[in-house]
Amino acid sequence: MLQSSLPFALAGIRQSFAASSKGGLGALSGRGYAFTAYDVGDSTNIKWHEGMVPTADKEKLLKQKGCVLWFTGLSGSGKSTVACTLEHALLAEGRLTACLDGDNIRHGLNNNLGFSGTDRTENIRRIGEVSKLFADTGVITLVSFISPYRADRDAVRARMNPGQFLEIYMKVPIETCEERDPKGLYKKARAGQLKGFTGIDAPYELPEKAELEIVAKMDDGTQRSPGAQAGEILAYLRAKGFLSA
């Protein structure tokens, strides 16, 4: 019975798909077919797939809460250095982390992007989506990008679950950053050899609601070490319950 009815069933499916190709999805929706696909940006006829293991279950497994530590600040402010120092401290405590560095990401995922305003925005959008994937898996994700535009950083925050995005502003004066100048970029920018450099001839928009502001010097002028700066962030994570689940 099943074998004899199969050709008729297949014929019906073929007719249905033929109708959809002529009249679009609406041609089938009126015949009792339920379509719940939708468009997102330039992606059409997609739908979020449910049924994955909840983030909370992964966090219980890891004994930590997934989050994004978004280090922002001028070139030379210590974003990558402090992020790497913090990652080592977290590893010593048995925490699972991912460290996403702006220069490193441009070696692969974002190597087709330049430094125009449009490309900078896309650079941050992409890494924001990647960092969300890590955080939703329960990973403590450290992201060190200049990310000069406030709207771009806020857009990443808006994509996260409440409390999952922690903006860490490396509050270091440009004079100190120029003194460090680890890649010689300030010197090139001042000489006119590098255009569109953040802090020189391109803007950096200060955070308005950063969870943490990390300074380079104490009030008495004493220089703070990367370890001390990372320790401040580690204490914050512990106090806010990110190191337990």
Protein backbone atom coordinates (compact mmCIF):
# COMPACT_ATOMS: atom_id res chain seq x y z
CA MET A 1 0.00 0.00 0.00
CA LEU A 2 2.81 2.39 0.92
CA GLN A 3 4.73 1.66 -2.28
CA SER A 4 1.68 2.19 -4.47
CA SER A 5 0.84 5.55 -2.87
CA LEU A 6 4.38 6.91 -2.91
CA PRO A 7 4.38 8.06 -6.56
CA PHE A 8 1.19 10.04 -5.96
CA ALA A 9 2.69 11.69 -2.87
CA LEU A 10 5.82 12.66 -4.77
CA ALA A 11 3.71 14.01 -7.60
CA GLY A 12 1.84 16.20 -5.12
CA ILE A 13 5.09 17.55 -3.72
CA ARG A 14 6.34 18.36 -7.20
CA GLN A 15 3.11 20.20 -7.99
CA SER A 16 3.36 22.16 -4.76
CA PHE A 17 6.91 23.26 -5.46
CA ALA A 18 5.93 24.16 -9.01
CA ALA A 19 3.18 26.36 -7.61
CA SER A 20 5.59 28.03 -5.22
CA SER A 21 8.05 28.80 -7.99
CA LYS A 22 5.29 30.53 -9.96
CA GLY A 23 3.42 32.29 -7.23
CA GLY A 24 6.07 32.59 -4.52
CA LEU A 25 5.69 31.35 -0.95
CA GLY A 26 2.30 32.94 -0.73
CA ALA A 27 0.97 30.49 -3.34
CA LEU A 28 1.43 27.68 -0.84
CA SER A 29 0.58 29.56 2.35
CA GLY A 30 -2.99 29.86 1.16
CA ARG A 31 -3.25 26.09 0.72
CA GLY A 32 -2.55 25.21 4.34
CA TYR A 33 1.26 25.31 4.30
CA ALA A 34 2.70 27.28 7.23
CA PHE A 35 5.77 29.33 6.33
CA THR A 36 7.62 31.07 9.16
CA ALA A 37 10.80 32.06 7.34
CA TYR A 38 11.69 35.74 7.19
CA ASP A 39 14.35 38.13 5.93
CA VAL A 40 17.28 39.55 7.90
CA GLY A 41 19.31 42.17 6.07
CA ASP A 42 20.16 40.74 2.67
CA SER A 43 19.51 37.16 3.81
CA THR A 44 16.09 35.97 2.69
CA ASN A 45 13.81 33.11 3.74
CA ILE A 46 15.73 32.17 6.89
CA LYS A 47 14.63 31.16 10.37
CA TRP A 48 16.39 30.91 13.72
CA HIS A 49 16.93 27.24 14.59
CA GLU A 50 15.81 26.39 18.11
CA GLY A 51 16.66 23.26 20.06
CA MET A 52 20.29 24.01 20.95
CA VAL A 53 21.61 23.41 24.45
CA PRO A 54 20.74 26.49 26.54
CA THR A 55 23.54 28.85 27.52
CA ALA A 56 22.72 28.36 31.21
CA ASP A 57 23.42 24.62 30.94
CA LYS A 58 26.80 25.28 29.32
CA GLU A 59 27.62 27.83 32.01
CA LYS A 60 26.84 25.26 34.73
CA LEU A 61 29.19 22.83 33.01
CA LEU A 62 31.97 25.44 32.89
CA LYS A 63 31.16 26.93 36.31
CA GLN A 64 31.30 30.44 34.88
CA LYS A 65 29.05 32.90 33.05
CA GLY A 66 29.64 33.70 29.40
CA CYS A 67 30.34 37.36 28.75
CA VAL A 68 32.13 39.76 26.44
CA LEU A 69 34.84 41.99 27.88
CA TRP A 70 35.09 44.72 25.25
CA PHE A 71 38.40 46.57 25.58
CA THR A 72 38.23 49.92 23.78
CA GLY A 73 40.66 52.82 23.65
CA LEU A 74 43.34 54.49 21.58
CA SER A 75 46.16 52.63 19.91
CA GLY A 76 48.84 52.12 22.55
CA SER A 77 46.42 52.33 25.48
CA GLY A 78 47.19 48.75 26.53
CA LYS A 79 44.05 46.96 25.33
CA SER A 80 45.78 43.85 24.00
CA THR A 81 48.40 43.74 26.74
CA VAL A 82 45.86 43.89 29.56
CA ALA A 83 43.50 41.48 27.79
CA CYS A 84 46.28 38.90 27.41
CA THR A 85 47.39 39.40 31.01
CA LEU A 86 43.83 38.91 32.21
CA GLU A 87 43.41 35.80 30.06
CA HIS A 88 46.45 34.23 31.72
CA ALA A 89 45.03 35.07 35.16
CA LEU A 90 41.71 33.49 34.23
CA LEU A 91 43.45 30.40 32.88
CA ALA A 92 45.29 30.04 36.19
CA GLU A 93 41.86 29.83 37.83
CA GLY A 94 40.68 27.16 35.42
CA ARG A 95 38.45 29.45 33.32
CA LEU A 96 37.67 28.92 29.65
CA THR A 97 38.41 32.05 27.61
CA ALA A 98 38.75 33.34 24.07
CA CYS A 99 40.89 36.36 23.23
CA LEU A 100 40.00 38.23 20.02
CA ASP A 101 42.53 40.88 19.01
CA GLY A 102 41.88 43.52 16.38
CA ASP A 103 45.13 43.01 14.46
CA ASN A 104 44.82 39.22 14.59
CA ILE A 105 41.26 39.25 13.25
CA ARG A 106 42.41 41.34 10.28
CA HIS A 107 44.76 38.50 9.32
CA GLY A 108 41.78 36.31 8.46
CA LEU A 109 38.09 37.02 8.99
CA ASN A 110 38.38 40.76 8.35
CA ASN A 111 41.34 40.88 5.95
CA ASN A 112 39.08 42.33 3.25
CA LEU A 113 38.36 45.45 5.31
CA GLY A 114 40.29 48.72 5.36
CA PHE A 115 40.03 51.66 7.73
CA SER A 116 37.32 53.81 6.16
CA GLY A 117 34.37 54.67 8.36
CA THR A 118 32.23 52.04 6.62
CA ASP A 119 34.89 49.35 6.95
CA ARG A 120 35.49 50.17 10.60
CA THR A 121 31.79 49.72 11.32
CA GLU A 122 31.70 46.38 9.50
CA ASN A 123 34.86 45.32 11.33
CA ILE A 124 33.13 45.84 14.67
CA ARG A 125 29.84 44.31 13.54
CA ARG A 126 31.55 41.07 12.51
CA ILE A 127 33.62 40.68 15.64
CA GLY A 128 30.57 41.56 17.73
CA GLU A 129 28.68 38.64 16.22
CA VAL A 130 31.64 36.29 16.72
CA SER A 131 32.05 37.37 20.35
CA LYS A 132 28.33 36.78 20.96
CA LEU A 133 28.68 33.20 19.71
CA PHE A 134 31.49 32.61 22.20
CA ALA A 135 29.62 34.24 25.09
CA ASP A 136 26.46 32.25 24.35
CA THR A 137 28.60 29.12 24.71
CA GLY A 138 29.59 30.17 28.22
CA VAL A 139 33.05 31.42 27.28
CA ILE A 140 34.59 34.51 28.89
CA THR A 141 35.45 36.43 25.72
CA LEU A 142 38.07 39.17 25.69
CA VAL A 143 37.84 41.53 22.72
CA SER A 144 40.49 44.22 22.16
CA PHE A 145 39.56 46.60 19.35
CA ILE A 146 40.01 50.36 19.13
CA SER A 147 36.33 50.50 18.06
CA PRO A 148 36.33 54.31 17.83
CA TYR A 149 32.63 54.86 17.15
CA ARG A 150 30.23 54.83 20.09
CA ALA A 151 27.30 53.75 17.90
CA ASP A 152 29.20 50.65 16.77
CA ARG A 153 30.01 49.62 20.34
CA ASP A 154 26.42 50.27 21.41
CA ALA A 155 25.16 48.17 18.50
CA VAL A 156 27.24 45.22 19.75
CA ARG A 157 25.90 45.73 23.27
CA ALA A 158 22.36 45.69 21.92
CA ARG A 159 22.94 42.28 20.32
CA MET A 160 23.95 40.74 23.65
CA ASN A 161 21.81 39.41 26.44
CA PRO A 162 21.35 41.87 29.35
CA GLY A 163 24.52 42.07 31.43
CA GLN A 164 26.55 39.99 28.97
CA PHE A 165 28.48 42.92 27.45
CA LEU A 166 31.07 44.64 29.63
CA GLU A 167 32.67 47.72 28.09
CA ILE A 168 36.17 48.32 29.42
CA TYR A 169 37.54 51.73 28.53
CA MET A 170 41.32 51.97 28.61
CA LYS A 171 41.40 55.56 29.83
CA VAL A 172 44.91 56.47 28.77
CA PRO A 173 45.80 60.00 27.53
CA ILE A 174 46.96 60.28 23.95
CA GLU A 175 50.26 61.72 25.21
CA THR A 176 50.98 58.45 27.01
CA CYS A 177 49.90 56.42 23.98
CA GLU A 178 52.26 58.44 21.78
CA GLU A 179 55.12 57.90 24.20
CA ARG A 180 54.57 54.16 23.96
CA ASP A 181 53.82 54.05 20.21
CA PRO A 182 54.57 50.29 20.02
CA LYS A 183 54.06 50.08 16.25
CA GLY A 184 55.41 53.51 15.32
CA LEU A 185 52.00 54.54 14.01
CA TYR A 186 51.73 57.86 15.85
CA LYS A 187 55.05 58.92 14.38
CA LYS A 188 53.83 58.07 10.89
CA ALA A 189 50.51 59.85 11.46
CA ARG A 190 52.21 63.01 12.76
CA ALA A 191 54.47 62.98 9.70
CA GLY A 192 51.48 62.72 7.38
CA GLN A 193 52.46 59.25 6.22
CA LEU A 194 49.36 57.61 7.71
CA LYS A 195 45.90 59.04 7.12
CA GLY A 196 42.74 58.39 9.10
CA PHE A 197 44.57 57.43 12.29
CA THR A 198 42.37 57.41 15.37
CA GLY A 199 43.19 60.22 17.77
CA ILE A 200 45.17 62.22 15.21
CA ASP A 201 43.02 62.89 12.15
CA ALA A 202 40.18 60.45 12.87
CA PRO A 203 37.86 60.63 15.89
CA TYR A 204 37.62 58.46 18.98
CA GLU A 205 34.25 58.77 20.71
CA LEU A 206 34.53 58.29 24.45
CA PRO A 207 32.32 55.66 26.09
CA GLU A 208 29.38 57.06 28.02
CA LYS A 209 28.40 53.95 29.98
CA ALA A 210 31.49 51.79 30.32
CA GLU A 211 31.30 49.21 33.08
CA LEU A 212 34.96 49.81 33.87
CA GLU A 213 37.49 52.57 33.24
CA ILE A 214 41.08 51.40 33.53
CA VAL A 215 43.67 54.12 34.06
CA ALA A 216 47.41 53.90 33.35
CA LYS A 217 48.54 55.90 36.36
CA MET A 218 47.48 56.39 39.97
CA ASP A 219 46.54 59.83 41.26
CA ASP A 220 50.10 60.28 42.53
CA GLY A 221 51.50 59.58 39.06
CA THR A 222 52.62 56.03 39.81
CA GLN A 223 52.49 53.85 36.71
CA ARG A 224 50.14 50.88 36.97
CA SER A 225 51.34 47.52 35.70
CA PRO A 226 49.28 45.38 33.30
CA GLY A 227 48.97 42.89 36.15
CA ALA A 228 47.38 45.51 38.41
CA GLN A 229 45.02 46.60 35.65
CA ALA A 230 44.03 43.01 34.89
CA GLY A 231 43.59 42.38 38.60
CA GLU A 232 41.04 45.18 38.81
CA ILE A 233 38.99 43.57 36.05
CA LEU A 234 39.32 40.11 37.60
CA ALA A 235 38.01 41.45 40.89
CA TYR A 236 35.04 42.99 39.08
CA LEU A 237 34.21 39.68 37.37
CA ARG A 238 34.35 37.88 40.71
CA ALA A 239 32.21 40.48 42.48
CA LYS A 240 29.56 40.39 39.73
CA GLY A 241 29.30 36.60 39.77
CA PHE A 242 30.83 35.84 36.37
CA LEU A 243 33.23 33.31 37.87
CA SER A 244 30.48 31.03 39.14
CA ALA A 245 27.30 29.56 37.71
